[in-house]
């Protein structure tokens, strides 16, 4: 159980670190991959929307199954 919480915490931290980096490197993504600005913008939008929609669902499921665990106690 502790390794699961540690893994989820690490994944969340990595996601939080990369969210502000992605818009900053859009010009590199466009230049290296030949994307149009629209495609690069949709990449960021899809990333943010996926995160915005999955977090409440996972939170609701966690509350419904009574799986709340304090990370500080893990």
Protein backbone atom coordinates (compact mmCIF):
# COMPACT_ATOMS: atom_id res chain seq x y z
CA UNK A 1 0.00 0.00 0.00
CA UNK A 2 2.80 2.41 0.87
CA UNK A 3 4.52 1.84 -2.49
CA UNK A 4 1.23 2.58 -4.30
CA UNK A 5 0.83 5.88 -2.48
CA UNK A 6 4.48 6.73 -3.10
CA UNK A 7 4.05 6.00 -6.82
CA UNK A 8 0.88 8.07 -7.08
CA UNK A 9 2.50 10.93 -5.21
CA UNK A 10 5.54 10.86 -7.50
CA UNK A 11 3.35 10.73 -10.62
CA UNK A 12 1.30 13.68 -9.39
CA UNK A 13 4.47 15.65 -8.62
CA UNK A 14 5.89 14.98 -12.10
CA UNK A 15 2.62 16.04 -13.70
CA UNK A 16 2.59 19.26 -11.66
CA UNK A 17 6.17 20.00 -12.70
CA UNK A 18 5.54 19.45 -16.42
CA UNK A 19 2.24 21.34 -16.73
CA UNK A 20 3.91 24.80 -16.82
CA UNK A 21 6.76 23.50 -18.99
CA UNK A 22 4.59 22.28 -21.86
CA UNK A 23 3.36 25.72 -23.03
CA UNK A 24 6.91 27.05 -22.75
CA UNK A 25 8.27 24.42 -25.15
CA UNK A 26 5.47 24.69 -27.71
CA UNK A 27 7.72 26.53 -30.15
CA UNK A 28 10.22 23.66 -29.97
CA UNK A 29 7.47 21.09 -30.50
CA UNK A 30 6.21 23.02 -33.52
CA UNK A 31 9.69 23.41 -35.02
CA UNK A 32 10.93 19.86 -34.40
CA UNK A 33 7.77 17.99 -35.39
CA UNK A 34 6.38 20.33 -38.01
CA UNK A 35 3.10 20.81 -36.14
CA UNK A 36 0.85 23.73 -36.86
CA UNK A 37 0.18 26.09 -33.98
CA UNK A 38 -3.36 24.75 -33.78
CA UNK A 39 -2.16 21.17 -33.30
CA UNK A 40 0.31 22.20 -30.61
CA UNK A 41 -2.38 24.22 -28.83
CA UNK A 42 -4.75 21.26 -28.99
CA UNK A 43 -2.05 19.12 -27.39
CA UNK A 44 -1.93 21.41 -24.36
CA UNK A 45 -5.72 21.73 -24.25
CA UNK A 46 -6.19 17.96 -24.36
CA UNK A 47 -3.64 17.48 -21.59
CA UNK A 48 -5.34 20.03 -19.35
CA UNK A 49 -8.89 18.85 -20.07
CA UNK A 50 -7.96 15.23 -19.38
CA UNK A 51 -6.51 16.24 -16.04
CA UNK A 52 -9.48 18.46 -15.21
CA UNK A 53 -12.05 15.75 -15.92
CA UNK A 54 -10.27 12.77 -14.38
CA UNK A 55 -9.37 14.36 -11.04
CA UNK A 56 -12.98 14.90 -9.88
CA UNK A 57 -14.01 11.42 -11.04
CA UNK A 58 -11.14 9.77 -9.19
CA UNK A 59 -11.90 11.91 -6.13
CA UNK A 60 -15.57 10.89 -6.24
CA UNK A 61 -14.68 7.20 -6.57
CA UNK A 62 -12.19 7.48 -3.73
CA UNK A 63 -14.81 9.09 -1.48
CA UNK A 64 -17.47 6.56 -2.48
CA UNK A 65 -15.22 3.57 -1.68
CA UNK A 66 -13.86 5.27 1.47
CA UNK A 67 -10.28 4.95 0.24
CA UNK A 68 -8.99 8.26 1.56
CA UNK A 69 -5.47 8.00 2.91
CA UNK A 70 -3.41 10.85 4.23
CA UNK A 71 -0.15 10.95 2.29
CA UNK A 72 1.59 12.41 5.32
CA UNK A 73 0.66 9.30 7.34
CA UNK A 74 1.69 6.83 4.65
